[in-house]
Amino acid sequence: MGCVVNGPGESKHANIGISLPGTGETPVAPVYVDGVRTVT
């Protein structure tokens, strides 16, 4: 996913998901595994 709007939600629904920072957002990308945030 490309930004914080739907990124975390869609990432949690997937087996593995990453929410990349959109324009002007903090340059970090949280990763979710089976709905749980595991690493940034």
PDB file of all heavy atoms in Angstrom:
ATOM      1  N   MET A   1       0.827  -1.208   0.000  1.00  0.00           N
ATOM      2  CA  MET A   1       0.000   0.000   0.000  1.00  0.00           C
ATOM      3  C   MET A   1       0.858   1.252   0.000  1.00  0.00           C
ATOM      4  O   MET A   1       1.992   1.254   0.480  1.00  0.00           O
ATOM      5  CB  MET A   1      -0.933  -0.018   1.200  1.00  0.00           C
ATOM      6  CG  MET A   1      -1.829  -1.262   1.275  1.00  0.00           C
ATOM      7  SD  MET A   1      -2.924  -1.429  -0.147  1.00  0.00           S
ATOM      8  CE  MET A   1      -4.011  -0.027   0.103  1.00  0.00           C
ATOM      9  N   GLY A   2       0.271   2.346  -0.537  1.00  0.00           N
ATOM     10  CA  GLY A   2       1.073   3.533  -0.786  1.00  0.00           C
ATOM     11  C   GLY A   2       0.977   4.656   0.211  1.00  0.00           C
ATOM     12  O   GLY A   2       1.733   5.618   0.129  1.00  0.00           O
ATOM     13  N   CYS A   3       0.049   4.587   1.178  1.00  0.00           N
ATOM     14  CA  CYS A   3      -0.030   5.675   2.162  1.00  0.00           C
ATOM     15  C   CYS A   3      -0.790   5.211   3.388  1.00  0.00           C
ATOM     16  O   CYS A   3      -1.250   4.078   3.476  1.00  0.00           O
ATOM     17  CB  CYS A   3      -0.668   6.926   1.554  1.00  0.00           C
ATOM     18  SG  CYS A   3      -2.460   6.866   1.427  1.00  0.00           S
ATOM     19  N   VAL A   4      -0.974   6.109   4.333  1.00  0.00           N
ATOM     20  CA  VAL A   4      -1.535   5.769   5.634  1.00  0.00           C
ATOM     21  C   VAL A   4      -3.066   5.651   5.621  1.00  0.00           C
ATOM     22  O   VAL A   4      -3.659   5.135   6.568  1.00  0.00           O
ATOM     23  CB  VAL A   4      -1.099   6.825   6.679  1.00  0.00           C
ATOM     24  CG1 VAL A   4      -1.873   8.133   6.468  1.00  0.00           C
ATOM     25  CG2 VAL A   4      -1.270   6.307   8.102  1.00  0.00           C
ATOM     26  N   VAL A   5      -3.735   6.117   4.548  1.00  0.00           N
ATOM     27  CA  VAL A   5      -5.205   6.141   4.548  1.00  0.00           C
ATOM     28  C   VAL A   5      -5.783   4.734   4.668  1.00  0.00           C
ATOM     29  O   VAL A   5      -6.510   4.417   5.611  1.00  0.00           O
ATOM     30  CB  VAL A   5      -5.740   6.846   3.282  1.00  0.00           C
ATOM     31  CG1 VAL A   5      -7.267   6.741   3.231  1.00  0.00           C
ATOM     32  CG2 VAL A   5      -5.318   8.306   3.268  1.00  0.00           C
ATOM     33  N   ASN A   6      -5.497   3.867   3.681  1.00  0.00           N
ATOM     34  CA  ASN A   6      -5.981   2.489   3.730  1.00  0.00           C
ATOM     35  C   ASN A   6      -4.860   1.480   3.953  1.00  0.00           C
ATOM     36  O   ASN A   6      -5.123   0.286   4.090  1.00  0.00           O
ATOM     37  CB  ASN A   6      -6.705   2.122   2.427  1.00  0.00           C
ATOM     38  CG  ASN A   6      -8.031   2.844   2.271  1.00  0.00           C
ATOM     39  OD1 ASN A   6      -8.762   3.005   3.234  1.00  0.00           O
ATOM     40  ND2 ASN A   6      -8.318   3.293   1.066  1.00  0.00           N
ATOM     41  N   GLY A   7      -3.617   1.979   3.972  1.00  0.00           N
ATOM     42  CA  GLY A   7      -2.469   1.078   4.062  1.00  0.00           C
ATOM     43  C   GLY A   7      -2.480   0.125   5.240  1.00  0.00           C
ATOM     44  O   GLY A   7      -2.437  -1.100   5.059  1.00  0.00           O
ATOM     45  N   PRO A   8      -2.554   0.630   6.459  1.00  0.00           N
ATOM     46  CA  PRO A   8      -2.536  -0.281   7.617  1.00  0.00           C
ATOM     47  C   PRO A   8      -3.705  -1.255   7.621  1.00  0.00           C
ATOM     48  O   PRO A   8      -3.544  -2.436   7.933  1.00  0.00           O
ATOM     49  CB  PRO A   8      -2.589   0.675   8.807  1.00  0.00           C
ATOM     50  CG  PRO A   8      -1.993   1.948   8.288  1.00  0.00           C
ATOM     51  CD  PRO A   8      -2.462   2.046   6.873  1.00  0.00           C
ATOM     52  N   GLY A   9      -4.909  -0.776   7.256  1.00  0.00           N
ATOM     53  CA  GLY A   9      -6.077  -1.652   7.271  1.00  0.00           C
ATOM     54  C   GLY A   9      -5.953  -2.797   6.276  1.00  0.00           C
ATOM     55  O   GLY A   9      -6.183  -3.964   6.613  1.00  0.00           O
ATOM     56  N   GLU A  10      -5.578  -2.475   5.039  1.00  0.00           N
ATOM     57  CA  GLU A  10      -5.418  -3.522   4.025  1.00  0.00           C
ATOM     58  C   GLU A  10      -4.267  -4.455   4.391  1.00  0.00           C
ATOM     59  O   GLU A  10      -4.330  -5.668   4.160  1.00  0.00           O
ATOM     60  CB  GLU A  10      -5.166  -2.898   2.647  1.00  0.00           C
ATOM     61  CG  GLU A  10      -6.386  -2.237   2.023  1.00  0.00           C
ATOM     62  CD  GLU A  10      -7.428  -3.244   1.539  1.00  0.00           C
ATOM     63  OE1 GLU A  10      -7.150  -4.464   1.562  1.00  0.00           O
ATOM     64  OE2 GLU A  10      -8.531  -2.806   1.158  1.00  0.00           O
ATOM     65  N   SER A  11      -3.213  -3.897   4.962  1.00  0.00           N
ATOM     66  CA  SER A  11      -2.062  -4.714   5.347  1.00  0.00           C
ATOM     67  C   SER A  11      -2.426  -5.714   6.431  1.00  0.00           C
ATOM     68  O   SER A  11      -1.933  -6.843   6.450  1.00  0.00           O
ATOM     69  CB  SER A  11      -0.914  -3.815   5.832  1.00  0.00           C
ATOM     70  OG  SER A  11      -0.449  -2.990   4.780  1.00  0.00           O
ATOM     71  N   LYS A  12      -3.308  -5.315   7.339  1.00  0.00           N
ATOM     72  CA  LYS A  12      -3.739  -6.223   8.405  1.00  0.00           C
ATOM     73  C   LYS A  12      -4.610  -7.354   7.869  1.00  0.00           C
ATOM     74  O   LYS A  12      -4.596  -8.459   8.402  1.00  0.00           O
ATOM     75  CB  LYS A  12      -4.511  -5.437   9.475  1.00  0.00           C
ATOM     76  CG  LYS A  12      -3.653  -4.489  10.298  1.00  0.00           C
ATOM     77  CD  LYS A  12      -4.517  -3.689  11.261  1.00  0.00           C
ATOM     78  CE  LYS A  12      -3.687  -2.675  12.047  1.00  0.00           C
ATOM     79  NZ  LYS A  12      -4.523  -1.840  12.944  1.00  0.00           N
ATOM     80  N   HIS A  13      -5.381  -7.081   6.813  1.00  0.00           N
ATOM     81  CA  HIS A  13      -6.261  -8.107   6.241  1.00  0.00           C
ATOM     82  C   HIS A  13      -5.476  -9.153   5.445  1.00  0.00           C
ATOM     83  O   HIS A  13      -5.941 -10.287   5.278  1.00  0.00           O
ATOM     84  CB  HIS A  13      -7.312  -7.472   5.327  1.00  0.00           C
ATOM     85  CG  HIS A  13      -8.379  -6.721   6.067  1.00  0.00           C
ATOM     86  ND1 HIS A  13      -9.124  -7.294   7.069  1.00  0.00           N
ATOM     87  CD2 HIS A  13      -8.826  -5.446   5.951  1.00  0.00           C
ATOM     88  CE1 HIS A  13      -9.989  -6.403   7.540  1.00  0.00           C
ATOM     89  NE2 HIS A  13      -9.830  -5.279   6.881  1.00  0.00           N
ATOM     90  N   ALA A  14      -4.308  -8.786   4.933  1.00  0.00           N
ATOM     91  CA  ALA A  14      -3.502  -9.710   4.131  1.00  0.00           C
ATOM     92  C   ALA A  14      -2.666 -10.607   5.036  1.00  0.00           C
ATOM     93  O   ALA A  14      -2.533 -10.363   6.242  1.00  0.00           O
ATOM     94  CB  ALA A  14      -2.589  -8.917   3.197  1.00  0.00           C
ATOM     95  N   ASN A  15      -2.099 -11.671   4.445  1.00  0.00           N
ATOM     96  CA  ASN A  15      -1.169 -12.502   5.211  1.00  0.00           C
ATOM     97  C   ASN A  15       0.054 -11.687   5.610  1.00  0.00           C
ATOM     98  O   ASN A  15       0.527 -11.756   6.755  1.00  0.00           O
ATOM     99  CB  ASN A  15      -0.729 -13.710   4.387  1.00  0.00           C
ATOM    100  CG  ASN A  15      -1.873 -14.649   4.066  1.00  0.00           C
ATOM    101  OD1 ASN A  15      -2.413 -14.623   2.974  1.00  0.00           O
ATOM    102  ND2 ASN A  15      -2.270 -15.475   5.028  1.00  0.00           N
ATOM    103  N   ILE A  16       0.572 -10.933   4.661  1.00  0.00           N
ATOM    104  CA  ILE A  16       1.687 -10.020   4.916  1.00  0.00           C
ATOM    105  C   ILE A  16       1.368  -8.714   4.219  1.00  0.00           C
ATOM    106  O   ILE A  16       0.899  -8.711   3.071  1.00  0.00           O
ATOM    107  CB  ILE A  16       3.022 -10.552   4.336  1.00  0.00           C
ATOM    108  CG1 ILE A  16       3.287 -11.973   4.784  1.00  0.00           C
ATOM    109  CG2 ILE A  16       4.183  -9.656   4.734  1.00  0.00           C
ATOM    110  CD1 ILE A  16       4.507 -12.577   4.126  1.00  0.00           C
ATOM    111  N   GLY A  17       1.610  -7.608   4.879  1.00  0.00           N
ATOM    112  CA  GLY A  17       1.339  -6.318   4.264  1.00  0.00           C
ATOM    113  C   GLY A  17       2.349  -5.278   4.667  1.00  0.00           C
ATOM    114  O   GLY A  17       2.916  -5.333   5.770  1.00  0.00           O
ATOM    115  N   ILE A  18       2.569  -4.324   3.772  1.00  0.00           N
ATOM    116  CA  ILE A  18       3.467  -3.211   4.066  1.00  0.00           C
ATOM    117  C   ILE A  18       2.765  -1.928   3.660  1.00  0.00           C
ATOM    118  O   ILE A  18       2.132  -1.852   2.606  1.00  0.00           O
ATOM    119  CB  ILE A  18       4.823  -3.362   3.333  1.00  0.00           C
ATOM    120  CG1 ILE A  18       5.776  -2.228   3.750  1.00  0.00           C
ATOM    121  CG2 ILE A  18       4.643  -3.397   1.821  1.00  0.00           C
ATOM    122  CD1 ILE A  18       7.207  -2.453   3.273  1.00  0.00           C
ATOM    123  N   SER A  19       2.835  -0.927   4.518  1.00  0.00           N
ATOM    124  CA  SER A  19       2.229   0.371   4.253  1.00  0.00           C
ATOM    125  C   SER A  19       3.344   1.391   4.082  1.00  0.00           C
ATOM    126  O   SER A  19       3.949   1.835   5.059  1.00  0.00           O
ATOM    127  CB  SER A  19       1.303   0.766   5.407  1.00  0.00           C
ATOM    128  OG  SER A  19       0.714   2.026   5.164  1.00  0.00           O
ATOM    129  N   LEU A  20       3.619   1.730   2.835  1.00  0.00           N
ATOM    130  CA  LEU A  20       4.694   2.671   2.532  1.00  0.00           C
ATOM    131  C   LEU A  20       4.244   4.102   2.808  1.00  0.00           C
ATOM    132  O   LEU A  20       3.044   4.399   2.769  1.00  0.00           O
ATOM    133  CB  LEU A  20       5.123   2.518   1.071  1.00  0.00           C
ATOM    134  CG  LEU A  20       5.783   1.168   0.752  1.00  0.00           C
ATOM    135  CD1 LEU A  20       5.776   0.907  -0.741  1.00  0.00           C
ATOM    136  CD2 LEU A  20       7.207   1.136   1.276  1.00  0.00           C
ATOM    137  N   PRO A  21       5.176   4.995   3.081  1.00  0.00           N
ATOM    138  CA  PRO A  21       4.805   6.381   3.391  1.00  0.00           C
ATOM    139  C   PRO A  21       4.364   7.136   2.147  1.00  0.00           C
ATOM    140  O   PRO A  21       4.988   7.057   1.085  1.00  0.00           O
ATOM    141  CB  PRO A  21       6.099   6.971   3.964  1.00  0.00           C
ATOM    142  CG  PRO A  21       7.192   6.161   3.338  1.00  0.00           C
ATOM    143  CD  PRO A  21       6.630   4.775   3.199  1.00  0.00           C
ATOM    144  N   GLY A  22       3.259   7.880   2.281  1.00  0.00           N
ATOM    145  CA  GLY A  22       2.820   8.738   1.200  1.00  0.00           C
ATOM    146  C   GLY A  22       3.544  10.076   1.265  1.00  0.00           C
ATOM    147  O   GLY A  22       4.389  10.318   2.144  1.00  0.00           O
ATOM    148  N   THR A  23       3.197  10.953   0.330  1.00  0.00           N
ATOM    149  CA  THR A  23       3.838  12.266   0.270  1.00  0.00           C
ATOM    150  C   THR A  23       3.614  13.035   1.572  1.00  0.00           C
ATOM    151  O   THR A  23       2.480  13.163   2.037  1.00  0.00           O
ATOM    152  CB  THR A  23       3.256  13.067  -0.909  1.00  0.00           C
ATOM    153  OG1 THR A  23       3.428  12.317  -2.103  1.00  0.00           O
ATOM    154  CG2 THR A  23       3.956  14.411  -1.047  1.00  0.00           C
ATOM    155  N   GLY A  24       4.686  13.509   2.182  1.00  0.00           N
ATOM    156  CA  GLY A  24       4.594  14.289   3.406  1.00  0.00           C
ATOM    157  C   GLY A  24       4.454  13.474   4.672  1.00  0.00           C
ATOM    158  O   GLY A  24       4.385  14.041   5.765  1.00  0.00           O
ATOM    159  N   GLU A  25       4.394  12.141   4.550  1.00  0.00           N
ATOM    160  CA  GLU A  25       4.260  11.290   5.731  1.00  0.00           C
ATOM    161  C   GLU A  25       5.640  10.893   6.253  1.00  0.00           C
ATOM    162  O   GLU A  25       6.646  10.968   5.552  1.00  0.00           O
ATOM    163  CB  GLU A  25       3.447  10.033   5.384  1.00  0.00           C
ATOM    164  CG  GLU A  25       2.010  10.331   4.991  1.00  0.00           C
ATOM    165  CD  GLU A  25       1.247   9.077   4.564  1.00  0.00           C
ATOM    166  OE1 GLU A  25       1.775   7.966   4.748  1.00  0.00           O
ATOM    167  OE2 GLU A  25       0.131   9.216   4.038  1.00  0.00           O
ATOM    168  N   THR A  26       5.664  10.464   7.501  1.00  0.00           N
ATOM    169  CA  THR A  26       6.923  10.017   8.114  1.00  0.00           C
ATOM    170  C   THR A  26       7.512   8.878   7.275  1.00  0.00           C
ATOM    171  O   THR A  26       6.813   7.916   6.948  1.00  0.00           O
ATOM    172  CB  THR A  26       6.678   9.514   9.545  1.00  0.00           C
ATOM    173  OG1 THR A  26       6.030  10.554  10.292  1.00  0.00           O
ATOM    174  CG2 THR A  26       7.984   9.124  10.219  1.00  0.00           C
ATOM    175  N   PRO A  27       8.796   8.965   6.889  1.00  0.00           N
ATOM    176  CA  PRO A  27       9.411   7.983   5.980  1.00  0.00           C
ATOM    177  C   PRO A  27       9.692   6.632   6.634  1.00  0.00           C
ATOM    178  O   PRO A  27      10.854   6.210   6.763  1.00  0.00           O
ATOM    179  CB  PRO A  27      10.695   8.676   5.542  1.00  0.00           C
ATOM    180  CG  PRO A  27      11.052   9.559   6.685  1.00  0.00           C
ATOM    181  CD  PRO A  27       9.751  10.044   7.246  1.00  0.00           C
ATOM    182  N   VAL A  28       8.625   5.981   7.079  1.00  0.00           N
ATOM    183  CA  VAL A  28       8.757   4.647   7.655  1.00  0.00           C
ATOM    184  C   VAL A  28       7.681   3.757   7.037  1.00  0.00           C
ATOM    185  O   VAL A  28       6.656   4.233   6.555  1.00  0.00           O
ATOM    186  CB  VAL A  28       8.608   4.661   9.192  1.00  0.00           C
ATOM    187  CG1 VAL A  28       9.739   5.453   9.824  1.00  0.00           C
ATOM    188  CG2 VAL A  28       7.246   5.219   9.606  1.00  0.00           C
ATOM    189  N   ALA A  29       7.920   2.444   7.047  1.00  0.00           N
ATOM    190  CA  ALA A  29       6.980   1.501   6.431  1.00  0.00           C
ATOM    191  C   ALA A  29       6.692   0.363   7.390  1.00  0.00           C
ATOM    192  O   ALA A  29       7.462  -0.599   7.493  1.00  0.00           O
ATOM    193  CB  ALA A  29       7.562   0.972   5.122  1.00  0.00           C
ATOM    194  N   PRO A  30       5.580   0.430   8.125  1.00  0.00           N
ATOM    195  CA  PRO A  30       5.228  -0.665   9.026  1.00  0.00           C
ATOM    196  C   PRO A  30       4.841  -1.920   8.242  1.00  0.00           C
ATOM    197  O   PRO A  30       4.178  -1.839   7.206  1.00  0.00           O
ATOM    198  CB  PRO A  30       4.038  -0.115   9.815  1.00  0.00           C
ATOM    199  CG  PRO A  30       3.453   0.942   8.936  1.00  0.00           C
ATOM    200  CD  PRO A  30       4.607   1.537   8.189  1.00  0.00           C
ATOM    201  N   VAL A  31       5.250  -3.075   8.767  1.00  0.00           N
ATOM    202  CA  VAL A  31       4.949  -4.361   8.148  1.00  0.00           C
ATOM    203  C   VAL A  31       4.043  -5.146   9.085  1.00  0.00           C
ATOM    204  O   VAL A  31       4.288  -5.216  10.300  1.00  0.00           O
ATOM    205  CB  VAL A  31       6.240  -5.161   7.863  1.00  0.00           C
ATOM    206  CG1 VAL A  31       5.909  -6.563   7.353  1.00  0.00           C
ATOM    207  CG2 VAL A  31       7.116  -4.421   6.858  1.00  0.00           C
ATOM    208  N   TYR A  32       2.998  -5.753   8.516  1.00  0.00           N
ATOM    209  CA  TYR A  32       2.042  -6.535   9.288  1.00  0.00           C
ATOM    210  C   TYR A  32       2.092  -7.991   8.830  1.00  0.00           C
ATOM    211  O   TYR A  32       2.079  -8.279   7.629  1.00  0.00           O
ATOM    212  CB  TYR A  32       0.626  -5.982   9.102  1.00  0.00           C
ATOM    213  CG  TYR A  32       0.456  -4.564   9.598  1.00  0.00           C
ATOM    214  CD1 TYR A  32       0.844  -3.479   8.810  1.00  0.00           C
ATOM    215  CD2 TYR A  32      -0.075  -4.307  10.852  1.00  0.00           C
ATOM    216  CE1 TYR A  32       0.700  -2.178   9.254  1.00  0.00           C
ATOM    217  CE2 TYR A  32      -0.228  -3.002  11.311  1.00  0.00           C
ATOM    218  CZ  TYR A  32       0.160  -1.943  10.512  1.00  0.00           C
ATOM    219  OH  TYR A  32       0.025  -0.653  10.966  1.00  0.00           O
ATOM    220  N   VAL A  33       2.148  -8.904   9.779  1.00  0.00           N
ATOM    221  CA  VAL A  33       2.151 -10.329   9.487  1.00  0.00           C
ATOM    222  C   VAL A  33       0.973 -10.956  10.214  1.00  0.00           C
ATOM    223  O   VAL A  33       0.874 -10.868  11.446  1.00  0.00           O
ATOM    224  CB  VAL A  33       3.469 -10.991   9.935  1.00  0.00           C
ATOM    225  CG1 VAL A  33       3.409 -12.499   9.717  1.00  0.00           C
ATOM    226  CG2 VAL A  33       4.654 -10.389   9.183  1.00  0.00           C
ATOM    227  N   ASP A  34       0.067 -11.545   9.450  1.00  0.00           N
ATOM    228  CA  ASP A  34      -1.164 -12.127  10.009  1.00  0.00           C
ATOM    229  C   ASP A  34      -1.888 -11.136  10.913  1.00  0.00           C
ATOM    230  O   ASP A  34      -2.363 -11.473  12.008  1.00  0.00           O
ATOM    231  CB  ASP A  34      -0.856 -13.422  10.766  1.00  0.00           C
ATOM    232  CG  ASP A  34      -0.434 -14.555   9.833  1.00  0.00           C
ATOM    233  OD1 ASP A  34      -0.906 -14.574   8.679  1.00  0.00           O
ATOM    234  OD2 ASP A  34       0.368 -15.399  10.251  1.00  0.00           O
ATOM    235  N   GLY A  35      -1.942  -9.879  10.464  1.00  0.00           N
ATOM    236  CA  GLY A  35      -2.699  -8.852  11.157  1.00  0.00           C
ATOM    237  C   GLY A  35      -1.971  -8.143  12.282  1.00  0.00           C
ATOM    238  O   GLY A  35      -2.515  -7.221  12.887  1.00  0.00           O
ATOM    239  N   VAL A  36      -0.751  -8.565  12.566  1.00  0.00           N
ATOM    240  CA  VAL A  36       0.005  -7.983  13.684  1.00  0.00           C
ATOM    241  C   VAL A  36       1.204  -7.204  13.150  1.00  0.00           C
ATOM    242  O   VAL A  36       1.966  -7.712  12.312  1.00  0.00           O
ATOM    243  CB  VAL A  36       0.492  -9.080  14.650  1.00  0.00           C
ATOM    244  CG1 VAL A  36       1.313  -8.463  15.784  1.00  0.00           C
ATOM    245  CG2 VAL A  36      -0.704  -9.859  15.208  1.00  0.00           C
ATOM    246  N   ARG A  37       1.369  -5.977  13.638  1.00  0.00           N
ATOM    247  CA  ARG A  37       2.530  -5.181  13.233  1.00  0.00           C
ATOM    248  C   ARG A  37       3.778  -5.791  13.859  1.00  0.00           C
ATOM    249  O   ARG A  37       3.872  -5.926  15.086  1.00  0.00           O
ATOM    250  CB  ARG A  37       2.348  -3.738  13.687  1.00  0.00           C
ATOM    251  CG  ARG A  37       3.490  -2.815  13.280  1.00  0.00           C
ATOM    252  CD  ARG A  37       3.115  -1.368  13.536  1.00  0.00           C
ATOM    253  NE  ARG A  37       4.212  -0.460  13.246  1.00  0.00           N
ATOM    254  CZ  ARG A  37       4.092   0.861  13.181  1.00  0.00           C
ATOM    255  NH1 ARG A  37       2.901   1.426  13.391  1.00  0.00           N
ATOM    256  NH2 ARG A  37       5.133   1.625  12.919  1.00  0.00           N
ATOM    257  N   THR A  38       4.733  -6.167  13.020  1.00  0.00           N
ATOM    258  CA  THR A  38       5.913  -6.883  13.510  1.00  0.00           C
ATOM    259  C   THR A  38       7.196  -6.080  13.433  1.00  0.00           C
ATOM    260  O   THR A  38       8.101  -6.274  14.246  1.00  0.00           O
ATOM    261  CB  THR A  38       6.116  -8.185  12.713  1.00  0.00           C
ATOM    262  OG1 THR A  38       6.267  -7.875  11.319  1.00  0.00           O
ATOM    263  CG2 THR A  38       4.940  -9.128  12.906  1.00  0.00           C
ATOM    264  N   VAL A  39       7.298  -5.196  12.444  1.00  0.00           N
ATOM    265  CA  VAL A  39       8.539  -4.452  12.263  1.00  0.00           C
ATOM    266  C   VAL A  39       8.234  -3.206  11.441  1.00  0.00           C
ATOM    267  O   VAL A  39       7.231  -3.145  10.721  1.00  0.00           O
ATOM    268  CB  VAL A  39       9.597  -5.328  11.536  1.00  0.00           C
ATOM    269  CG1 VAL A  39       9.165  -5.637  10.104  1.00  0.00           C
ATOM    270  CG2 VAL A  39      10.981  -4.675  11.557  1.00  0.00           C
ATOM    271  N   THR A  40       9.098  -2.220  11.558  1.00  0.00           N
ATOM    272  CA  THR A  40       8.981  -1.009  10.753  1.00  0.00           C
ATOM    273  C   THR A  40      10.267  -0.859   9.940  1.00  0.00           C
ATOM    274  O   THR A  40      11.367  -0.838  10.514  1.00  0.00           O
ATOM    275  CB  THR A  40       8.774   0.232  11.635  1.00  0.00           C
ATOM    276  OG1 THR A  40       7.555   0.080  12.377  1.00  0.00           O
ATOM    277  CG2 THR A  40       8.681   1.486  10.783  1.00  0.00           C
TER     278      THR A  40
END
